[in-house]
Every structure is written in structure tokens, then in C-alpha cells.
Amino acid sequence: MREFKHPAEFFKKKIVFQTPRLLLRKIESGDCSDMYCYSSREQTTRYLLWNPHPGEYATRAIIDNLRNAYREGTYFELAVVLRETGKMIGTCGITSVDESNFCAEVGYVLSPDYWGQGIAAEAAAVLINFAFCELGAHRVEARFMKGNENSRRVMEKCGMSYEGMQRGKIFVKGEFKDIGTCALTAEEYFSEAKENLYRKFNNSGLFESIFNRFK
């Protein structure tokens, strides 16, 4: 019988992913200044559900809540850290799961200072692999707010296909927003048609140490 493993099984442990440029790990209290640096900017949150952090005190409180959520098994996003400098520049992870339908949603937030460098795709590709290979997902999807074409390009770079736009899907920041969806199925991910895409990631060392990530 097919089984879907809930990400809580993994995120309650120490979980670390490594790529050529990035370290993906749980958010720590020492990340407060780095997180505030990008979370306080209007440019960062323009197409997100939350507003800029009003002060570092707010970031600190959020991190405390997230660390508790890790322990409770209710939060599945990781800090995106530059290996070269140790600086946290965003987050990436599993934002929601639909266990009955073997579906996982991937999301990411990145400091505007690092947009256009392929970093979001480098991080998201690891979580997509995690969803298919470890959770046993049949479908992995990601969503973006209308106008955020940069986010859609990240999804498509990771092999996802655009499925359409839901008009007035959510009410956020005083407005109804249209939400687009991109997705990838397990059959597509492991198919010959997608094989060359993921072989390119592997050849660049993207998934180095991927089988030693849980310690």
C-alpha cells in the first residue's frame, strides 16, 4: 500500500541539506538580524501574505514561535544560508501537505539582494526532491500571486508546469488577489522527459550529501 510520510517525521530531527552555494537548515535564534534585514523590506513582502516586520523585536518573536513549531512538528520550512558567508538570506520549505491526496506544497522567500541568481531554484529543487523521494508525494505544487512572474519562473525552472490562475482566490492586505499554480507529478519528475533537467542539477553537485542530510 502506498504511504505518504508527513514532514513532521523529519523536521522534528536535525535536518540539513547542502548544495554548491547553500546550506538549508532549521531557523535558529542567531538568524534574527539576517532575517530582519530582508523581512523588513516592502520589496520582499509585496507578493506575500505577511507585512514587513516593524522591528527586530518582531522578528525575534517570530523565530521563537517557529522554533516551538519545529518541536511540535507543525513547521516545515528551513533557513536558506550562504555557505561562503553563513548569512541567512531567506527561507524555503514545505508550506502545506494534503496527506489524503499525497500532495505537498513548496514555498520560498528570498532577500531581494539575491534575486536573479538562481538561488531560489537551487533551494526549491532540493525540497521538491525531498517531497518526492522522502515523503512519497504524488504531486508537488507551488503558488504565486498574480504579477510575481519571478516566482513563476523559479517554479518552471524546477520543472513545474503552469496550471492556471484562480481569480480573487484570497483576500489579503485589503484586496482580493489572483493566485497562480504550478505543479509537477511524480510520474513527470521521474520520467525520461524530465531526466535531463535533474541530471543537470546532479552534475553541478546540487544534491551532494543528499543521502546524509539527517543527522
C-alpha atoms as a PDB file:
ATOM      1  CA  MET A   1       0.000   0.000   0.000  1.00  0.00           C
ATOM      2  CA  ARG A   2       1.324   3.422  -0.934  1.00  0.00           C
ATOM      3  CA  GLU A   3       2.381   5.583   2.024  1.00  0.00           C
ATOM      4  CA  PHE A   4       2.785   9.336   2.426  1.00  0.00           C
ATOM      5  CA  LYS A   5       5.194  10.310   5.185  1.00  0.00           C
ATOM      6  CA  HIS A   6       4.351  13.514   6.983  1.00  0.00           C
ATOM      7  CA  PRO A   7       7.243  16.031   7.025  1.00  0.00           C
ATOM      8  CA  ALA A   8       6.954  16.203  10.826  1.00  0.00           C
ATOM      9  CA  GLU A   9       8.733  12.836  10.915  1.00  0.00           C
ATOM     10  CA  PHE A  10      11.830  14.539   9.504  1.00  0.00           C
ATOM     11  CA  PHE A  11      11.615  18.089  10.829  1.00  0.00           C
ATOM     12  CA  LYS A  12      11.470  17.023  14.463  1.00  0.00           C
ATOM     13  CA  LYS A  13      15.032  15.771  13.905  1.00  0.00           C
ATOM     14  CA  LYS A  14      18.084  17.737  12.880  1.00  0.00           C
ATOM     15  CA  ILE A  15      17.623  18.225   9.156  1.00  0.00           C
ATOM     16  CA  VAL A  16      20.280  19.680   6.861  1.00  0.00           C
ATOM     17  CA  PHE A  17      20.541  19.953   3.089  1.00  0.00           C
ATOM     18  CA  GLN A  18      23.643  21.117   1.244  1.00  0.00           C
ATOM     19  CA  THR A  19      24.003  22.489  -2.280  1.00  0.00           C
ATOM     20  CA  PRO A  20      27.014  24.064  -4.007  1.00  0.00           C
ATOM     21  CA  ARG A  21      26.121  27.523  -2.692  1.00  0.00           C
ATOM     22  CA  LEU A  22      23.637  26.922   0.093  1.00  0.00           C
ATOM     23  CA  LEU A  23      23.026  25.284   3.422  1.00  0.00           C
ATOM     24  CA  LEU A  24      19.374  24.588   4.248  1.00  0.00           C
ATOM     25  CA  ARG A  25      18.809  24.082   7.964  1.00  0.00           C
ATOM     26  CA  LYS A  26      16.338  24.899  10.713  1.00  0.00           C
ATOM     27  CA  ILE A  27      15.957  28.561  11.610  1.00  0.00           C
ATOM     28  CA  GLU A  28      17.957  29.497  14.712  1.00  0.00           C
ATOM     29  CA  SER A  29      17.811  32.359  17.209  1.00  0.00           C
ATOM     30  CA  GLY A  30      21.096  33.671  15.804  1.00  0.00           C
ATOM     31  CA  ASP A  31      19.364  34.304  12.456  1.00  0.00           C
ATOM     32  CA  CYS A  32      17.360  37.212  13.848  1.00  0.00           C
ATOM     33  CA  SER A  33      19.381  40.096  12.374  1.00  0.00           C
ATOM     34  CA  ASP A  34      19.715  38.422   8.973  1.00  0.00           C
ATOM     35  CA  MET A  35      16.018  37.592   8.809  1.00  0.00           C
ATOM     36  CA  TYR A  36      15.000  41.102   9.840  1.00  0.00           C
ATOM     37  CA  CYS A  37      17.290  42.548   7.172  1.00  0.00           C
ATOM     38  CA  TYR A  38      15.131  41.153   4.352  1.00  0.00           C
ATOM     39  CA  SER A  39      11.801  40.692   6.173  1.00  0.00           C
ATOM     40  CA  SER A  40      11.566  44.398   6.972  1.00  0.00           C
ATOM     41  CA  ARG A  41      11.597  45.397   3.299  1.00  0.00           C
ATOM     42  CA  GLU A  42       8.434  46.175   1.353  1.00  0.00           C
ATOM     43  CA  GLN A  43      10.051  44.762  -1.782  1.00  0.00           C
ATOM     44  CA  THR A  44      10.369  41.358  -0.102  1.00  0.00           C
ATOM     45  CA  THR A  45       6.756  41.114   1.051  1.00  0.00           C
ATOM     46  CA  ARG A  46       4.941  42.729  -1.865  1.00  0.00           C
ATOM     47  CA  TYR A  47       3.592  39.395  -3.122  1.00  0.00           C
ATOM     48  CA  LEU A  48       3.451  37.602   0.232  1.00  0.00           C
ATOM     49  CA  LEU A  49       0.670  37.133   2.779  1.00  0.00           C
ATOM     50  CA  TRP A  50       2.501  38.984   5.554  1.00  0.00           C
ATOM     51  CA  ASN A  51       3.635  42.563   6.033  1.00  0.00           C
ATOM     52  CA  PRO A  52       7.205  43.782   6.598  1.00  0.00           C
ATOM     53  CA  HIS A  53       8.483  43.206  10.135  1.00  0.00           C
ATOM     54  CA  PRO A  54       8.171  46.513  12.036  1.00  0.00           C
ATOM     55  CA  GLY A  55      11.273  45.912  14.131  1.00  0.00           C
ATOM     56  CA  GLU A  56      13.833  43.322  15.110  1.00  0.00           C
ATOM     57  CA  TYR A  57      11.744  42.573  18.210  1.00  0.00           C
ATOM     58  CA  ALA A  58       9.001  41.230  15.904  1.00  0.00           C
ATOM     59  CA  THR A  59      11.471  39.018  14.039  1.00  0.00           C
ATOM     60  CA  ARG A  60      12.783  37.668  17.321  1.00  0.00           C
ATOM     61  CA  ALA A  61       9.264  36.773  18.476  1.00  0.00           C
ATOM     62  CA  ILE A  62       8.516  35.077  15.155  1.00  0.00           C
ATOM     63  CA  ILE A  63      11.686  32.992  15.364  1.00  0.00           C
ATOM     64  CA  ASP A  64      10.812  31.930  18.926  1.00  0.00           C
ATOM     65  CA  ASN A  65       7.406  30.761  17.679  1.00  0.00           C
ATOM     66  CA  LEU A  66       8.946  28.925  14.743  1.00  0.00           C
ATOM     67  CA  ARG A  67      11.399  27.087  16.981  1.00  0.00           C
ATOM     68  CA  ASN A  68       8.485  25.941  19.127  1.00  0.00           C
ATOM     69  CA  ALA A  69       6.652  24.860  15.989  1.00  0.00           C
ATOM     70  CA  TYR A  70       9.646  22.727  14.959  1.00  0.00           C
ATOM     71  CA  ARG A  71       9.456  20.929  18.295  1.00  0.00           C
ATOM     72  CA  GLU A  72       5.709  20.431  17.926  1.00  0.00           C
ATOM     73  CA  GLY A  73       6.072  19.162  14.357  1.00  0.00           C
ATOM     74  CA  THR A  74       3.956  21.889  12.766  1.00  0.00           C
ATOM     75  CA  TYR A  75       6.524  23.909  10.779  1.00  0.00           C
ATOM     76  CA  PHE A  76       8.495  22.602   7.796  1.00  0.00           C
ATOM     77  CA  GLU A  77      10.500  25.487   6.378  1.00  0.00           C
ATOM     78  CA  LEU A  78      14.264  25.964   6.532  1.00  0.00           C
ATOM     79  CA  ALA A  79      16.675  28.857   6.592  1.00  0.00           C
ATOM     80  CA  VAL A  80      18.468  29.443   3.280  1.00  0.00           C
ATOM     81  CA  VAL A  81      22.064  30.176   4.236  1.00  0.00           C
ATOM     82  CA  LEU A  82      25.009  31.114   2.033  1.00  0.00           C
ATOM     83  CA  ARG A  83      27.725  28.533   2.655  1.00  0.00           C
ATOM     84  CA  GLU A  84      30.500  31.001   1.877  1.00  0.00           C
ATOM     85  CA  THR A  85      29.466  33.596   4.468  1.00  0.00           C
ATOM     86  CA  GLY A  86      26.999  31.878   6.813  1.00  0.00           C
ATOM     87  CA  LYS A  87      24.444  34.615   6.134  1.00  0.00           C
ATOM     88  CA  MET A  88      20.748  33.705   6.151  1.00  0.00           C
ATOM     89  CA  ILE A  89      19.092  35.174   3.057  1.00  0.00           C
ATOM     90  CA  GLY A  90      15.642  33.584   3.052  1.00  0.00           C
ATOM     91  CA  THR A  91      13.547  30.508   3.734  1.00  0.00           C
ATOM     92  CA  CYS A  92      12.373  27.519   1.725  1.00  0.00           C
ATOM     93  CA  GLY A  93      10.303  24.517   2.671  1.00  0.00           C
ATOM     94  CA  ILE A  94       7.070  22.567   2.672  1.00  0.00           C
ATOM     95  CA  THR A  95       4.310  25.088   3.326  1.00  0.00           C
ATOM     96  CA  SER A  96       1.379  22.660   3.416  1.00  0.00           C
ATOM     97  CA  VAL A  97       0.537  18.997   2.905  1.00  0.00           C
ATOM     98  CA  ASP A  98      -2.565  17.139   1.759  1.00  0.00           C
ATOM     99  CA  GLU A  99      -1.852  13.667   3.094  1.00  0.00           C
ATOM    100  CA  SER A 100      -5.005  12.024   1.724  1.00  0.00           C
ATOM    101  CA  ASN A 101      -4.035  13.059  -1.805  1.00  0.00           C
ATOM    102  CA  PHE A 102      -0.246  12.620  -1.449  1.00  0.00           C
ATOM    103  CA  CYS A 103       0.356  16.293  -2.218  1.00  0.00           C
ATOM    104  CA  ALA A 104       2.912  18.755  -0.860  1.00  0.00           C
ATOM    105  CA  GLU A 105       3.232  22.473  -1.481  1.00  0.00           C
ATOM    106  CA  VAL A 106       6.646  24.113  -1.696  1.00  0.00           C
ATOM    107  CA  GLY A 107       7.276  27.776  -0.904  1.00  0.00           C
ATOM    108  CA  TYR A 108      10.209  30.145  -0.638  1.00  0.00           C
ATOM    109  CA  VAL A 109      11.137  33.697   0.338  1.00  0.00           C
ATOM    110  CA  LEU A 110      14.414  35.274  -0.687  1.00  0.00           C
ATOM    111  CA  SER A 111      16.110  38.580   0.040  1.00  0.00           C
ATOM    112  CA  PRO A 112      15.806  40.900  -2.999  1.00  0.00           C
ATOM    113  CA  ASP A 113      19.583  41.319  -2.870  1.00  0.00           C
ATOM    114  CA  TYR A 114      19.901  37.764  -4.222  1.00  0.00           C
ATOM    115  CA  TRP A 115      17.128  37.682  -6.815  1.00  0.00           C
ATOM    116  CA  GLY A 116      18.061  36.683 -10.351  1.00  0.00           C
ATOM    117  CA  GLN A 117      20.965  34.440  -9.326  1.00  0.00           C
ATOM    118  CA  GLY A 118      19.225  31.062  -9.449  1.00  0.00           C
ATOM    119  CA  ILE A 119      19.349  30.708  -5.666  1.00  0.00           C
ATOM    120  CA  ALA A 120      15.602  30.264  -5.144  1.00  0.00           C
ATOM    121  CA  ALA A 121      15.514  27.470  -7.737  1.00  0.00           C
ATOM    122  CA  GLU A 122      18.592  25.832  -6.202  1.00  0.00           C
ATOM    123  CA  ALA A 123      16.828  25.702  -2.832  1.00  0.00           C
ATOM    124  CA  ALA A 124      13.380  24.780  -4.136  1.00  0.00           C
ATOM    125  CA  ALA A 125      14.741  21.904  -6.234  1.00  0.00           C
ATOM    126  CA  VAL A 126      16.058  20.243  -3.071  1.00  0.00           C
ATOM    127  CA  LEU A 127      12.674  20.466  -1.335  1.00  0.00           C
ATOM    128  CA  ILE A 128      10.932  19.121  -4.437  1.00  0.00           C
ATOM    129  CA  ASN A 129      13.303  16.160  -4.396  1.00  0.00           C
ATOM    130  CA  PHE A 130      12.636  15.713  -0.667  1.00  0.00           C
ATOM    131  CA  ALA A 131       8.874  15.707  -1.244  1.00  0.00           C
ATOM    132  CA  PHE A 132       9.018  13.057  -3.952  1.00  0.00           C
ATOM    133  CA  CYS A 133      11.826  10.852  -2.640  1.00  0.00           C
ATOM    134  CA  GLU A 134      11.308  11.056   1.129  1.00  0.00           C
ATOM    135  CA  LEU A 135       7.658  11.992   1.690  1.00  0.00           C
ATOM    136  CA  GLY A 136       6.387   9.865  -1.181  1.00  0.00           C
ATOM    137  CA  ALA A 137       4.388  12.699  -2.731  1.00  0.00           C
ATOM    138  CA  HIS A 138       2.444  12.079  -5.929  1.00  0.00           C
ATOM    139  CA  ARG A 139       2.169  15.798  -6.643  1.00  0.00           C
ATOM    140  CA  VAL A 140       4.225  18.832  -5.635  1.00  0.00           C
ATOM    141  CA  GLU A 141       2.824  22.278  -6.270  1.00  0.00           C
ATOM    142  CA  ALA A 142       3.716  25.910  -5.668  1.00  0.00           C
ATOM    143  CA  ARG A 143       1.639  29.084  -5.795  1.00  0.00           C
ATOM    144  CA  PHE A 144       2.350  32.672  -6.705  1.00  0.00           C
ATOM    145  CA  MET A 145       0.417  35.920  -6.592  1.00  0.00           C
ATOM    146  CA  LYS A 146      -0.506  37.486  -9.940  1.00  0.00           C
ATOM    147  CA  GLY A 147       2.245  39.856 -11.014  1.00  0.00           C
ATOM    148  CA  ASN A 148       5.026  37.867  -9.385  1.00  0.00           C
ATOM    149  CA  GLU A 149       6.449  36.452 -12.590  1.00  0.00           C
ATOM    150  CA  ASN A 150       9.852  35.976 -10.974  1.00  0.00           C
ATOM    151  CA  SER A 151       8.359  33.356  -8.671  1.00  0.00           C
ATOM    152  CA  ARG A 152       6.626  31.623 -11.556  1.00  0.00           C
ATOM    153  CA  ARG A 153       9.951  31.423 -13.419  1.00  0.00           C
ATOM    154  CA  VAL A 154      11.541  29.742 -10.398  1.00  0.00           C
ATOM    155  CA  MET A 155       8.813  27.110 -10.416  1.00  0.00           C
ATOM    156  CA  GLU A 156       9.162  26.453 -14.125  1.00  0.00           C
ATOM    157  CA  LYS A 157      12.952  26.287 -13.836  1.00  0.00           C
ATOM    158  CA  CYS A 158      12.406  23.471 -11.320  1.00  0.00           C
ATOM    159  CA  GLY A 159      10.343  21.561 -13.872  1.00  0.00           C
ATOM    160  CA  MET A 160       6.866  22.581 -12.781  1.00  0.00           C
ATOM    161  CA  SER A 161       4.128  23.343 -15.312  1.00  0.00           C
ATOM    162  CA  TYR A 162       1.805  26.323 -15.062  1.00  0.00           C
ATOM    163  CA  GLU A 163      -1.763  25.138 -14.429  1.00  0.00           C
ATOM    164  CA  GLY A 164      -3.705  28.377 -14.357  1.00  0.00           C
ATOM    165  CA  MET A 165      -4.840  31.397 -12.364  1.00  0.00           C
ATOM    166  CA  GLN A 166      -7.638  31.419  -9.787  1.00  0.00           C
ATOM    167  CA  ARG A 167      -9.274  34.831  -9.806  1.00  0.00           C
ATOM    168  CA  GLY A 168      -9.898  36.510  -6.463  1.00  0.00           C
ATOM    169  CA  LYS A 169      -8.676  33.398  -4.658  1.00  0.00           C
ATOM    170  CA  ILE A 170      -7.556  35.112  -1.448  1.00  0.00           C
ATOM    171  CA  PHE A 171      -8.275  38.341   0.411  1.00  0.00           C
ATOM    172  CA  VAL A 172      -5.015  39.782   1.702  1.00  0.00           C
ATOM    173  CA  LYS A 173      -3.840  43.258   2.668  1.00  0.00           C
ATOM    174  CA  GLY A 174      -7.281  44.653   1.933  1.00  0.00           C
ATOM    175  CA  GLU A 175      -7.553  43.278  -1.604  1.00  0.00           C
ATOM    176  CA  PHE A 176      -8.684  40.159  -3.430  1.00  0.00           C
ATOM    177  CA  LYS A 177      -5.688  38.588  -5.149  1.00  0.00           C
ATOM    178  CA  ASP A 178      -5.452  36.189  -8.084  1.00  0.00           C
ATOM    179  CA  ILE A 179      -3.334  33.134  -7.371  1.00  0.00           C
ATOM    180  CA  GLY A 180      -1.460  31.065  -9.952  1.00  0.00           C
ATOM    181  CA  THR A 181      -0.441  27.436  -9.516  1.00  0.00           C
ATOM    182  CA  CYS A 182       2.439  25.438 -10.955  1.00  0.00           C
ATOM    183  CA  ALA A 183       2.840  21.733 -10.275  1.00  0.00           C
ATOM    184  CA  LEU A 184       4.789  18.582 -11.008  1.00  0.00           C
ATOM    185  CA  THR A 185       3.714  14.944 -10.580  1.00  0.00           C
ATOM    186  CA  ALA A 186       5.879  12.024  -9.541  1.00  0.00           C
ATOM    187  CA  GLU A 187       5.464  10.438 -12.975  1.00  0.00           C
ATOM    188  CA  GLU A 188       6.794  13.616 -14.567  1.00  0.00           C
ATOM    189  CA  TYR A 189       9.604  14.032 -12.052  1.00  0.00           C
ATOM    190  CA  PHE A 190      10.956  10.541 -12.600  1.00  0.00           C
ATOM    191  CA  SER A 191      10.177  10.357 -16.315  1.00  0.00           C
ATOM    192  CA  GLU A 192      12.695  10.312 -19.121  1.00  0.00           C
ATOM    193  CA  ALA A 193      11.343  13.670 -20.302  1.00  0.00           C
ATOM    194  CA  LYS A 194      12.417  15.326 -17.051  1.00  0.00           C
ATOM    195  CA  GLU A 195      15.553  13.258 -16.562  1.00  0.00           C
ATOM    196  CA  ASN A 196      17.912  15.675 -18.304  1.00  0.00           C
ATOM    197  CA  LEU A 197      16.681  18.591 -16.196  1.00  0.00           C
ATOM    198  CA  TYR A 198      17.543  16.860 -12.953  1.00  0.00           C
ATOM    199  CA  ARG A 199      20.725  15.357 -14.298  1.00  0.00           C
ATOM    200  CA  LYS A 200      21.944  18.932 -14.825  1.00  0.00           C
ATOM    201  CA  PHE A 201      21.326  19.651 -11.158  1.00  0.00           C
ATOM    202  CA  ASN A 202      23.132  16.472 -10.169  1.00  0.00           C
ATOM    203  CA  ASN A 203      26.130  17.173 -12.398  1.00  0.00           C
ATOM    204  CA  SER A 204      26.536  20.569 -10.760  1.00  0.00           C
ATOM    205  CA  GLY A 205      26.602  18.871  -7.380  1.00  0.00           C
ATOM    206  CA  LEU A 206      23.220  20.256  -6.342  1.00  0.00           C
ATOM    207  CA  PHE A 207      22.271  17.197  -4.377  1.00  0.00           C
ATOM    208  CA  GLU A 208      25.677  16.433  -2.886  1.00  0.00           C
ATOM    209  CA  SER A 209      25.306  14.751   0.514  1.00  0.00           C
ATOM    210  CA  ILE A 210      21.557  14.450  -0.054  1.00  0.00           C
ATOM    211  CA  PHE A 211      21.555  10.954   1.415  1.00  0.00           C
ATOM    212  CA  ASN A 212      23.375  12.121   4.539  1.00  0.00           C
ATOM    213  CA  ARG A 213      21.161  15.051   5.373  1.00  0.00           C
ATOM    214  CA  PHE A 214      19.528  13.650   8.514  1.00  0.00           C
ATOM    215  CA  LYS A 215      21.915  13.607  11.444  1.00  0.00           C
END
